[in-house]
Amino acid sequence: MVARKRWCRVTVFGRDGIVIGEYVFEGAGRPDLGAVDGVARLALLASRLAGRVALVDVSTEMRELLDLVGLAVEVKGQSELREEPLGIEERQKGMDSGDPLA
């Protein structure tokens, strides 16, 4: 049996900051474009609801794949390469003591 590896956790927040849903992306081996598509769809949903998504515990492979496809990921509120961030944030575990994801 092949061990599953966690690629990232995604939390979707509504306009008022209330958590709408939490999702874990994981699988055997490296993440693929299906995982990136899932993250992008959640970001689109959040955007349509005037909300945002936060990525936590992002694996190196997932981060590299998100960068490769050009999906802008925010780190502490700053978008990389001056791209439009699509309402996505990456958070490191334990960053904010009041953060429900920490």
N, C-alpha and C. Protein backbone atom coordinates (compact mmCIF):
# COMPACT_ATOMS: atom_id res chain seq x y z
N MET A 1 0.84 -1.18 0.00
CA MET A 1 0.00 0.00 0.00
C MET A 1 0.88 1.24 0.00
N VAL A 2 0.55 2.19 -0.86
CA VAL A 2 1.32 3.42 -0.99
C VAL A 2 0.79 4.45 0.02
N ALA A 3 1.71 5.06 0.74
CA ALA A 3 1.32 6.08 1.72
C ALA A 3 0.86 7.34 1.01
N ARG A 4 -0.18 7.94 1.56
CA ARG A 4 -0.69 9.21 1.00
C ARG A 4 0.08 10.37 1.63
N LYS A 5 0.34 11.37 0.83
CA LYS A 5 1.05 12.55 1.28
C LYS A 5 0.14 13.76 1.17
N ARG A 6 0.13 14.59 2.20
CA ARG A 6 -0.68 15.81 2.17
C ARG A 6 0.04 16.86 1.33
N TRP A 7 -0.69 17.39 0.33
CA TRP A 7 -0.12 18.44 -0.52
C TRP A 7 -0.42 19.82 0.03
N CYS A 8 -1.63 20.01 0.55
CA CYS A 8 -1.98 21.28 1.19
C CYS A 8 -3.37 21.16 1.80
N ARG A 9 -3.68 22.11 2.68
CA ARG A 9 -5.04 22.28 3.20
C ARG A 9 -5.54 23.61 2.69
N VAL A 10 -6.79 23.65 2.29
CA VAL A 10 -7.40 24.88 1.77
C VAL A 10 -8.63 25.20 2.61
N THR A 11 -8.70 26.44 3.07
CA THR A 11 -9.88 26.92 3.78
C THR A 11 -10.51 28.02 2.94
N VAL A 12 -11.82 27.93 2.73
CA VAL A 12 -12.56 28.93 1.97
C VAL A 12 -13.31 29.81 2.96
N PHE A 13 -13.07 31.12 2.85
CA PHE A 13 -13.72 32.10 3.71
C PHE A 13 -14.73 32.90 2.89
N GLY A 14 -15.87 33.18 3.47
CA GLY A 14 -16.86 34.04 2.84
C GLY A 14 -16.52 35.50 3.01
N ARG A 15 -17.38 36.35 2.50
CA ARG A 15 -17.16 37.79 2.55
C ARG A 15 -16.94 38.30 3.97
N ASP A 16 -17.64 37.74 4.92
CA ASP A 16 -17.55 38.20 6.31
C ASP A 16 -16.47 37.48 7.11
N GLY A 17 -15.65 36.65 6.44
CA GLY A 17 -14.56 35.96 7.11
C GLY A 17 -14.94 34.64 7.76
N ILE A 18 -16.21 34.26 7.61
CA ILE A 18 -16.66 32.99 8.19
C ILE A 18 -16.20 31.85 7.28
N VAL A 19 -15.74 30.78 7.88
CA VAL A 19 -15.27 29.62 7.13
C VAL A 19 -16.46 28.94 6.46
N ILE A 20 -16.37 28.81 5.14
CA ILE A 20 -17.40 28.13 4.36
C ILE A 20 -17.08 26.65 4.22
N GLY A 21 -15.79 26.35 4.07
CA GLY A 21 -15.39 24.95 3.93
C GLY A 21 -13.89 24.79 4.09
N GLU A 22 -13.50 23.57 4.45
CA GLU A 22 -12.09 23.23 4.59
C GLU A 22 -11.84 21.96 3.79
N TYR A 23 -10.75 21.93 3.04
CA TYR A 23 -10.46 20.82 2.15
C TYR A 23 -9.00 20.43 2.29
N VAL A 24 -8.74 19.13 2.19
CA VAL A 24 -7.38 18.61 2.22
C VAL A 24 -7.09 18.02 0.85
N PHE A 25 -5.98 18.43 0.26
CA PHE A 25 -5.53 17.86 -1.00
C PHE A 25 -4.36 16.95 -0.68
N GLU A 26 -4.52 15.68 -1.03
CA GLU A 26 -3.48 14.70 -0.75
C GLU A 26 -3.56 13.59 -1.77
N GLY A 27 -2.50 12.80 -1.83
CA GLY A 27 -2.50 11.67 -2.74
C GLY A 27 -1.19 10.92 -2.64
N ALA A 28 -1.11 9.85 -3.39
CA ALA A 28 0.11 9.07 -3.44
C ALA A 28 1.06 9.75 -4.43
N GLY A 29 2.23 10.06 -4.00
CA GLY A 29 3.21 10.69 -4.88
C GLY A 29 3.07 12.20 -4.92
N ARG A 30 3.44 12.75 -6.07
CA ARG A 30 3.48 14.20 -6.24
C ARG A 30 2.11 14.74 -6.66
N PRO A 31 1.81 16.01 -6.32
CA PRO A 31 0.55 16.61 -6.77
C PRO A 31 0.55 16.74 -8.28
N ASP A 32 -0.64 16.80 -8.86
CA ASP A 32 -0.77 16.93 -10.31
C ASP A 32 -1.66 18.12 -10.65
N LEU A 33 -1.92 18.28 -11.93
CA LEU A 33 -2.74 19.42 -12.35
C LEU A 33 -4.18 19.32 -11.85
N GLY A 34 -4.63 18.12 -11.53
CA GLY A 34 -5.96 17.97 -10.95
C GLY A 34 -6.05 18.67 -9.59
N ALA A 35 -4.98 18.57 -8.80
CA ALA A 35 -4.95 19.25 -7.50
C ALA A 35 -4.93 20.76 -7.69
N VAL A 36 -4.15 21.22 -8.65
CA VAL A 36 -4.10 22.66 -8.94
C VAL A 36 -5.47 23.15 -9.41
N ASP A 37 -6.13 22.36 -10.25
CA ASP A 37 -7.47 22.71 -10.72
C ASP A 37 -8.44 22.82 -9.55
N GLY A 38 -8.32 21.91 -8.58
CA GLY A 38 -9.18 21.97 -7.40
C GLY A 38 -8.97 23.24 -6.60
N VAL A 39 -7.72 23.61 -6.40
CA VAL A 39 -7.41 24.85 -5.67
C VAL A 39 -7.95 26.06 -6.45
N ALA A 40 -7.74 26.07 -7.76
CA ALA A 40 -8.22 27.18 -8.59
C ALA A 40 -9.74 27.30 -8.55
N ARG A 41 -10.43 26.17 -8.56
CA ARG A 41 -11.90 26.20 -8.51
C ARG A 41 -12.40 26.75 -7.17
N LEU A 42 -11.72 26.37 -6.09
CA LEU A 42 -12.10 26.91 -4.78
C LEU A 42 -11.84 28.41 -4.72
N ALA A 43 -10.72 28.85 -5.32
CA ALA A 43 -10.41 30.28 -5.35
C ALA A 43 -11.47 31.04 -6.16
N LEU A 44 -11.90 30.45 -7.26
CA LEU A 44 -12.94 31.08 -8.08
C LEU A 44 -14.26 31.17 -7.32
N LEU A 45 -14.61 30.09 -6.64
CA LEU A 45 -15.84 30.10 -5.83
C LEU A 45 -15.77 31.19 -4.76
N ALA A 46 -14.65 31.25 -4.06
CA ALA A 46 -14.49 32.27 -3.01
C ALA A 46 -14.59 33.67 -3.61
N SER A 47 -13.97 33.86 -4.76
CA SER A 47 -14.01 35.17 -5.42
C SER A 47 -15.44 35.57 -5.77
N ARG A 48 -16.22 34.62 -6.26
CA ARG A 48 -17.61 34.90 -6.61
C ARG A 48 -18.45 35.23 -5.39
N LEU A 49 -18.03 34.74 -4.22
CA LEU A 49 -18.72 35.03 -2.97
C LEU A 49 -18.10 36.20 -2.22
N ALA A 50 -17.21 36.93 -2.90
CA ALA A 50 -16.48 38.06 -2.30
C ALA A 50 -15.66 37.62 -1.10
N GLY A 51 -15.16 36.39 -1.16
CA GLY A 51 -14.35 35.85 -0.08
C GLY A 51 -12.93 35.61 -0.52
N ARG A 52 -12.28 34.64 0.14
CA ARG A 52 -10.89 34.31 -0.19
C ARG A 52 -10.61 32.89 0.26
N VAL A 53 -9.48 32.36 -0.16
CA VAL A 53 -9.03 31.06 0.32
C VAL A 53 -7.67 31.21 0.95
N ALA A 54 -7.37 30.34 1.90
CA ALA A 54 -6.06 30.31 2.54
C ALA A 54 -5.50 28.90 2.41
N LEU A 55 -4.25 28.80 1.95
CA LEU A 55 -3.57 27.52 1.85
C LEU A 55 -2.65 27.36 3.04
N VAL A 56 -2.66 26.20 3.66
CA VAL A 56 -1.85 25.91 4.84
C VAL A 56 -1.13 24.58 4.60
N ASP A 57 0.02 24.44 5.20
CA ASP A 57 0.79 23.20 5.08
C ASP A 57 1.03 22.83 3.62
N VAL A 58 1.45 23.80 2.81
CA VAL A 58 1.68 23.57 1.39
C VAL A 58 3.00 22.84 1.20
N SER A 59 2.95 21.69 0.54
CA SER A 59 4.18 20.93 0.28
C SER A 59 5.03 21.67 -0.76
N THR A 60 6.29 21.37 -0.77
CA THR A 60 7.21 21.99 -1.72
C THR A 60 6.77 21.70 -3.15
N GLU A 61 6.37 20.46 -3.41
CA GLU A 61 5.95 20.08 -4.76
C GLU A 61 4.69 20.84 -5.20
N MET A 62 3.73 21.00 -4.28
CA MET A 62 2.51 21.72 -4.61
C MET A 62 2.82 23.18 -4.87
N ARG A 63 3.66 23.77 -4.04
CA ARG A 63 4.04 25.18 -4.23
C ARG A 63 4.70 25.38 -5.58
N GLU A 64 5.61 24.47 -5.94
CA GLU A 64 6.28 24.57 -7.24
C GLU A 64 5.30 24.45 -8.39
N LEU A 65 4.32 23.56 -8.27
CA LEU A 65 3.33 23.38 -9.32
C LEU A 65 2.42 24.61 -9.43
N LEU A 66 2.03 25.17 -8.30
CA LEU A 66 1.22 26.41 -8.34
C LEU A 66 2.00 27.54 -9.00
N ASP A 67 3.29 27.64 -8.70
CA ASP A 67 4.14 28.64 -9.34
C ASP A 67 4.26 28.39 -10.84
N LEU A 68 4.43 27.12 -11.22
CA LEU A 68 4.61 26.75 -12.62
C LEU A 68 3.41 27.15 -13.47
N VAL A 69 2.21 26.92 -12.96
CA VAL A 69 1.00 27.23 -13.74
C VAL A 69 0.60 28.70 -13.63
N GLY A 70 1.29 29.45 -12.77
CA GLY A 70 1.01 30.88 -12.66
C GLY A 70 -0.14 31.24 -11.75
N LEU A 71 -0.53 30.34 -10.88
CA LEU A 71 -1.59 30.65 -9.92
C LEU A 71 -0.97 31.46 -8.80
N ALA A 72 -1.31 32.73 -8.75
CA ALA A 72 -0.71 33.64 -7.77
C ALA A 72 -1.12 33.24 -6.36
N VAL A 73 -0.15 33.07 -5.50
CA VAL A 73 -0.39 32.70 -4.11
C VAL A 73 0.19 33.78 -3.23
N GLU A 74 -0.63 34.31 -2.33
CA GLU A 74 -0.18 35.34 -1.41
C GLU A 74 0.53 34.73 -0.21
N VAL A 75 1.57 35.39 0.21
CA VAL A 75 2.24 35.02 1.46
C VAL A 75 2.12 36.23 2.38
N LYS A 76 1.37 36.09 3.46
CA LYS A 76 1.15 37.17 4.42
C LYS A 76 0.62 38.43 3.74
N GLY A 77 -0.29 38.27 2.78
CA GLY A 77 -0.97 39.41 2.17
C GLY A 77 -0.23 40.07 1.02
N GLN A 78 0.95 39.59 0.66
CA GLN A 78 1.70 40.17 -0.44
C GLN A 78 1.68 39.22 -1.62
N SER A 79 1.20 39.67 -2.79
CA SER A 79 1.20 38.80 -3.95
C SER A 79 2.60 38.79 -4.56
N GLU A 80 2.95 37.66 -5.14
CA GLU A 80 4.26 37.52 -5.74
C GLU A 80 4.26 38.11 -7.14
N LEU A 81 5.39 38.69 -7.53
CA LEU A 81 5.61 39.20 -8.87
C LEU A 81 4.53 40.19 -9.32
N ARG A 82 3.93 40.87 -8.37
CA ARG A 82 2.91 41.89 -8.65
C ARG A 82 1.72 41.34 -9.45
N GLU A 83 1.43 40.06 -9.28
CA GLU A 83 0.29 39.46 -9.96
C GLU A 83 -0.97 39.69 -9.15
N GLU A 84 -2.12 39.63 -9.80
CA GLU A 84 -3.40 39.67 -9.10
C GLU A 84 -3.53 38.36 -8.33
N PRO A 85 -3.71 38.40 -7.01
CA PRO A 85 -3.62 37.19 -6.20
C PRO A 85 -4.82 36.26 -6.20
N LEU A 86 -5.90 36.56 -6.85
CA LEU A 86 -7.09 35.70 -6.88
C LEU A 86 -7.65 35.39 -5.50
N GLY A 87 -7.31 36.18 -4.50
CA GLY A 87 -7.83 35.95 -3.16
C GLY A 87 -7.27 34.73 -2.48
N ILE A 88 -6.06 34.30 -2.87
CA ILE A 88 -5.44 33.12 -2.27
C ILE A 88 -4.32 33.55 -1.35
N GLU A 89 -4.28 32.99 -0.17
CA GLU A 89 -3.20 33.25 0.76
C GLU A 89 -2.56 31.94 1.15
N GLU A 90 -1.24 31.99 1.35
CA GLU A 90 -0.56 30.83 1.91
C GLU A 90 -0.17 31.21 3.33
N ARG A 91 -0.49 30.37 4.27
CA ARG A 91 -0.15 30.64 5.66
C ARG A 91 0.71 29.52 6.19
N GLN A 92 1.66 29.89 7.02
CA GLN A 92 2.47 28.89 7.67
C GLN A 92 1.84 28.56 9.00
N LYS A 93 1.84 27.30 9.34
CA LYS A 93 1.23 26.85 10.58
C LYS A 93 1.83 27.59 11.77
N GLY A 94 0.97 28.11 12.65
CA GLY A 94 1.44 28.79 13.84
C GLY A 94 1.78 30.25 13.64
N MET A 95 1.43 30.84 12.49
CA MET A 95 1.76 32.24 12.22
C MET A 95 1.02 33.19 13.17
N ASP A 96 -0.27 33.02 13.28
CA ASP A 96 -1.09 33.91 14.11
C ASP A 96 -1.75 33.08 15.20
N SER A 97 -1.58 33.50 16.43
CA SER A 97 -2.15 32.72 17.54
C SER A 97 -3.67 32.71 17.51
N GLY A 98 -4.29 33.75 16.94
CA GLY A 98 -5.74 33.80 16.85
C GLY A 98 -6.29 33.16 15.60
N ASP A 99 -5.42 32.67 14.73
CA ASP A 99 -5.82 32.07 13.48
C ASP A 99 -6.44 30.69 13.72
N PRO A 100 -7.65 30.44 13.22
CA PRO A 100 -8.27 29.15 13.47
C PRO A 100 -7.53 28.00 12.79
N LEU A 101 -6.65 28.30 11.84
CA LEU A 101 -5.90 27.26 11.15
C LEU A 101 -4.58 26.96 11.81
N ALA A 102 -4.17 27.78 12.74
CA ALA A 102 -2.85 27.58 13.36
C ALA A 102 -2.86 26.42 14.32
